[in-house]
Amino acid sequence: MRGWSYFFGGFPNEEDIILSLYENLKLQYEFEEKFWYYIAMFIVGTIGGIYYQSMYGGEHASLSSNSQYQKSDDNFKRAKEEVNKRKE
């Protein structure tokens, strides 16, 4: 998102925001309408990316053929098992 703002502007400088928060000052930046478009674009892009990856994503061929990857522990599987144990 920050890269887009270099071309189109309208996104506040992170340094100014952090310094204002750190020093407990009022933010001197007026949020333009473009800023909210960036936020909306970020949210839509995130949801779209999650949807696309969950529907069409799979293991990459190089991973499925890698012996170390095949032997490695699946932390998500272990976490799901732990949740199921706690439910019982």
N, C-alpha and C. Protein backbone atom coordinates (compact mmCIF):
# COMPACT_ATOMS: atom_id res chain seq x y z
N MET A 1 0.82 -1.18 0.00
CA MET A 1 0.00 0.00 0.00
C MET A 1 0.87 1.25 0.00
N ARG A 2 1.96 1.19 0.74
CA ARG A 2 2.83 2.37 0.80
C ARG A 2 3.44 2.69 -0.56
N GLY A 3 3.74 1.66 -1.31
CA GLY A 3 4.28 1.87 -2.65
C GLY A 3 3.30 2.61 -3.55
N TRP A 4 2.03 2.26 -3.47
CA TRP A 4 1.01 2.94 -4.26
C TRP A 4 0.94 4.42 -3.89
N SER A 5 1.14 4.72 -2.61
CA SER A 5 1.01 6.10 -2.17
C SER A 5 2.14 6.98 -2.71
N TYR A 6 3.26 6.39 -3.05
CA TYR A 6 4.33 7.19 -3.67
C TYR A 6 3.90 7.71 -5.02
N PHE A 7 3.08 6.95 -5.72
CA PHE A 7 2.61 7.36 -7.04
C PHE A 7 1.38 8.26 -6.98
N PHE A 8 0.44 7.95 -6.08
CA PHE A 8 -0.84 8.65 -6.05
C PHE A 8 -0.99 9.63 -4.90
N GLY A 9 -0.12 9.58 -3.91
CA GLY A 9 -0.19 10.51 -2.78
C GLY A 9 -1.39 10.23 -1.89
N GLY A 10 -1.60 11.09 -0.89
CA GLY A 10 -2.76 11.00 -0.03
C GLY A 10 -2.64 10.04 1.13
N PHE A 11 -1.43 9.54 1.41
CA PHE A 11 -1.25 8.63 2.53
C PHE A 11 -0.27 9.29 3.49
N PRO A 12 -0.58 9.32 4.79
CA PRO A 12 0.28 10.04 5.74
C PRO A 12 1.66 9.37 5.90
N ASN A 13 2.62 10.18 6.27
CA ASN A 13 3.97 9.70 6.52
C ASN A 13 3.97 8.94 7.85
N GLU A 14 4.49 7.71 7.84
CA GLU A 14 4.49 6.89 9.04
C GLU A 14 5.28 7.52 10.18
N GLU A 15 6.36 8.19 9.84
CA GLU A 15 7.19 8.82 10.86
C GLU A 15 6.39 9.87 11.63
N ASP A 16 5.62 10.67 10.91
CA ASP A 16 4.80 11.69 11.58
C ASP A 16 3.75 11.05 12.49
N ILE A 17 3.14 9.98 12.03
CA ILE A 17 2.12 9.30 12.83
C ILE A 17 2.74 8.73 14.10
N ILE A 18 3.86 8.04 13.96
CA ILE A 18 4.50 7.40 15.11
C ILE A 18 4.98 8.45 16.12
N LEU A 19 5.59 9.53 15.63
CA LEU A 19 6.06 10.57 16.54
C LEU A 19 4.89 11.23 17.27
N SER A 20 3.79 11.46 16.57
CA SER A 20 2.61 12.05 17.21
C SER A 20 2.05 11.13 18.29
N LEU A 21 2.00 9.85 18.00
CA LEU A 21 1.50 8.89 18.99
C LEU A 21 2.46 8.77 20.17
N TYR A 22 3.75 8.74 19.88
CA TYR A 22 4.75 8.59 20.93
C TYR A 22 4.75 9.79 21.87
N GLU A 23 4.59 10.99 21.31
CA GLU A 23 4.61 12.20 22.12
C GLU A 23 3.22 12.61 22.58
N ASN A 24 2.22 11.77 22.30
CA ASN A 24 0.83 12.00 22.71
C ASN A 24 0.31 13.34 22.20
N LEU A 25 0.65 13.64 20.95
CA LEU A 25 0.21 14.87 20.31
C LEU A 25 -0.91 14.57 19.33
N LYS A 26 -1.67 15.61 19.00
CA LYS A 26 -2.71 15.46 17.99
C LYS A 26 -2.01 15.33 16.63
N LEU A 27 -2.50 14.43 15.84
CA LEU A 27 -1.93 14.21 14.52
C LEU A 27 -2.15 15.44 13.66
N GLN A 28 -1.09 15.94 13.07
CA GLN A 28 -1.16 17.16 12.27
C GLN A 28 -1.62 16.90 10.84
N TYR A 29 -1.86 15.66 10.53
CA TYR A 29 -2.21 15.30 9.16
C TYR A 29 -3.71 15.20 9.01
N GLU A 30 -4.23 15.79 7.99
CA GLU A 30 -5.65 15.67 7.67
C GLU A 30 -5.80 14.49 6.72
N PHE A 31 -6.57 13.50 7.12
CA PHE A 31 -6.76 12.33 6.28
C PHE A 31 -7.62 12.70 5.08
N GLU A 32 -7.03 12.55 3.92
CA GLU A 32 -7.75 12.85 2.69
C GLU A 32 -8.65 11.68 2.32
N GLU A 33 -9.51 11.93 1.36
CA GLU A 33 -10.41 10.88 0.89
C GLU A 33 -9.62 9.70 0.32
N LYS A 34 -8.48 9.98 -0.29
CA LYS A 34 -7.64 8.92 -0.86
C LYS A 34 -7.18 7.93 0.21
N PHE A 35 -6.92 8.42 1.40
CA PHE A 35 -6.47 7.56 2.48
C PHE A 35 -7.47 6.45 2.72
N TRP A 36 -8.75 6.78 2.74
CA TRP A 36 -9.78 5.78 3.00
C TRP A 36 -9.92 4.81 1.83
N TYR A 37 -9.60 5.27 0.63
CA TYR A 37 -9.56 4.34 -0.50
C TYR A 37 -8.42 3.33 -0.32
N TYR A 38 -7.29 3.79 0.18
CA TYR A 38 -6.17 2.88 0.46
C TYR A 38 -6.58 1.82 1.49
N ILE A 39 -7.24 2.27 2.54
CA ILE A 39 -7.68 1.33 3.58
C ILE A 39 -8.67 0.33 2.99
N ALA A 40 -9.63 0.80 2.21
CA ALA A 40 -10.60 -0.10 1.58
C ALA A 40 -9.90 -1.07 0.62
N MET A 41 -8.93 -0.56 -0.14
CA MET A 41 -8.18 -1.40 -1.07
C MET A 41 -7.40 -2.48 -0.30
N PHE A 42 -6.84 -2.12 0.83
CA PHE A 42 -6.10 -3.06 1.65
C PHE A 42 -7.02 -4.16 2.17
N ILE A 43 -8.19 -3.78 2.68
CA ILE A 43 -9.13 -4.76 3.22
C ILE A 43 -9.66 -5.67 2.12
N VAL A 44 -10.08 -5.10 1.00
CA VAL A 44 -10.60 -5.91 -0.10
C VAL A 44 -9.50 -6.82 -0.65
N GLY A 45 -8.30 -6.29 -0.78
CA GLY A 45 -7.18 -7.11 -1.27
C GLY A 45 -6.86 -8.26 -0.33
N THR A 46 -6.90 -8.00 0.96
CA THR A 46 -6.63 -9.05 1.95
C THR A 46 -7.69 -10.14 1.89
N ILE A 47 -8.95 -9.74 1.89
CA ILE A 47 -10.03 -10.73 1.84
C ILE A 47 -9.99 -11.49 0.51
N GLY A 48 -9.77 -10.78 -0.57
CA GLY A 48 -9.68 -11.44 -1.88
C GLY A 48 -8.52 -12.41 -1.94
N GLY A 49 -7.39 -12.03 -1.39
CA GLY A 49 -6.21 -12.92 -1.37
C GLY A 49 -6.44 -14.16 -0.53
N ILE A 50 -7.07 -13.99 0.62
CA ILE A 50 -7.37 -15.14 1.48
C ILE A 50 -8.34 -16.08 0.77
N TYR A 51 -9.37 -15.52 0.16
CA TYR A 51 -10.34 -16.34 -0.56
C TYR A 51 -9.67 -17.11 -1.70
N TYR A 52 -8.90 -16.39 -2.50
CA TYR A 52 -8.25 -17.03 -3.66
C TYR A 52 -7.32 -18.16 -3.21
N GLN A 53 -6.51 -17.90 -2.20
CA GLN A 53 -5.57 -18.91 -1.74
C GLN A 53 -6.27 -20.11 -1.13
N SER A 54 -7.38 -19.86 -0.42
CA SER A 54 -8.08 -21.00 0.19
C SER A 54 -8.81 -21.83 -0.86
N MET A 55 -9.27 -21.19 -1.94
CA MET A 55 -10.01 -21.92 -2.96
C MET A 55 -9.10 -22.58 -4.00
N TYR A 56 -8.05 -21.88 -4.40
CA TYR A 56 -7.24 -22.34 -5.52
C TYR A 56 -5.81 -22.66 -5.15
N GLY A 57 -5.43 -22.35 -3.95
CA GLY A 57 -4.05 -22.58 -3.54
C GLY A 57 -3.83 -24.02 -3.12
N GLY A 58 -2.66 -24.45 -3.27
CA GLY A 58 -2.27 -25.78 -2.83
C GLY A 58 -0.78 -25.77 -2.60
N GLU A 59 -0.25 -26.90 -2.30
CA GLU A 59 1.19 -26.96 -2.11
C GLU A 59 1.89 -26.76 -3.44
N HIS A 60 2.92 -25.99 -3.40
CA HIS A 60 3.73 -25.78 -4.59
C HIS A 60 4.46 -27.08 -4.92
N ALA A 61 4.66 -27.34 -6.20
CA ALA A 61 5.29 -28.58 -6.62
C ALA A 61 6.67 -28.78 -5.99
N SER A 62 7.42 -27.69 -5.83
CA SER A 62 8.75 -27.83 -5.24
C SER A 62 8.67 -28.24 -3.78
N LEU A 63 7.60 -27.86 -3.08
CA LEU A 63 7.44 -28.27 -1.69
C LEU A 63 7.05 -29.74 -1.59
N SER A 64 6.11 -30.15 -2.42
CA SER A 64 5.65 -31.53 -2.32
C SER A 64 6.72 -32.53 -2.71
N SER A 65 7.72 -32.09 -3.47
CA SER A 65 8.80 -33.01 -3.85
C SER A 65 10.02 -32.89 -2.94
N ASN A 66 9.98 -31.97 -1.97
CA ASN A 66 11.11 -31.75 -1.06
C ASN A 66 11.01 -32.73 0.11
N SER A 67 12.05 -33.54 0.30
CA SER A 67 12.01 -34.57 1.35
C SER A 67 11.97 -33.96 2.75
N GLN A 68 12.69 -32.87 2.99
CA GLN A 68 12.67 -32.25 4.32
C GLN A 68 11.29 -31.68 4.64
N TYR A 69 10.64 -31.13 3.64
CA TYR A 69 9.30 -30.60 3.85
C TYR A 69 8.33 -31.73 4.18
N GLN A 70 8.46 -32.84 3.51
CA GLN A 70 7.58 -33.98 3.75
C GLN A 70 7.75 -34.53 5.17
N LYS A 71 8.98 -34.48 5.69
CA LYS A 71 9.27 -35.01 7.03
C LYS A 71 8.91 -34.03 8.14
N SER A 72 8.76 -32.74 7.81
CA SER A 72 8.57 -31.73 8.85
C SER A 72 7.21 -31.87 9.51
N ASP A 73 7.16 -31.39 10.75
CA ASP A 73 5.95 -31.45 11.54
C ASP A 73 4.96 -30.39 11.05
N ASP A 74 3.70 -30.75 10.98
CA ASP A 74 2.66 -29.81 10.59
C ASP A 74 2.11 -29.14 11.84
N ASN A 75 2.53 -27.90 12.10
CA ASN A 75 2.12 -27.20 13.32
C ASN A 75 0.63 -26.92 13.35
N PHE A 76 0.02 -26.70 12.19
CA PHE A 76 -1.42 -26.44 12.17
C PHE A 76 -2.19 -27.69 12.56
N LYS A 77 -1.73 -28.82 12.09
CA LYS A 77 -2.38 -30.08 12.44
C LYS A 77 -2.28 -30.31 13.95
N ARG A 78 -1.11 -30.04 14.50
CA ARG A 78 -0.91 -30.20 15.94
C ARG A 78 -1.80 -29.23 16.72
N ALA A 79 -1.94 -28.01 16.23
CA ALA A 79 -2.78 -27.02 16.92
C ALA A 79 -4.25 -27.45 16.89
N LYS A 80 -4.70 -27.97 15.75
CA LYS A 80 -6.09 -28.45 15.66
C LYS A 80 -6.32 -29.61 16.62
N GLU A 81 -5.36 -30.50 16.72
CA GLU A 81 -5.48 -31.64 17.63
C GLU A 81 -5.56 -31.16 19.08
N GLU A 82 -4.76 -30.15 19.41
CA GLU A 82 -4.77 -29.60 20.76
C GLU A 82 -6.11 -28.97 21.08
N VAL A 83 -6.68 -28.24 20.12
CA VAL A 83 -8.00 -27.63 20.32
C VAL A 83 -9.04 -28.71 20.53
N ASN A 84 -8.99 -29.77 19.74
CA ASN A 84 -9.96 -30.87 19.88
C ASN A 84 -9.83 -31.55 21.23
N LYS A 85 -8.60 -31.71 21.73
CA LYS A 85 -8.37 -32.32 23.05
C LYS A 85 -9.01 -31.46 24.14
N ARG A 86 -8.86 -30.13 24.02
CA ARG A 86 -9.40 -29.22 25.03
C ARG A 86 -10.92 -29.23 25.02
N LYS A 87 -11.53 -29.46 23.85
CA LYS A 87 -12.97 -29.50 23.76
C LYS A 87 -13.55 -30.73 24.45
N GLU A 88 -12.78 -31.80 24.48
CA GLU A 88 -13.25 -33.06 25.08
C GLU A 88 -13.21 -33.02 26.55
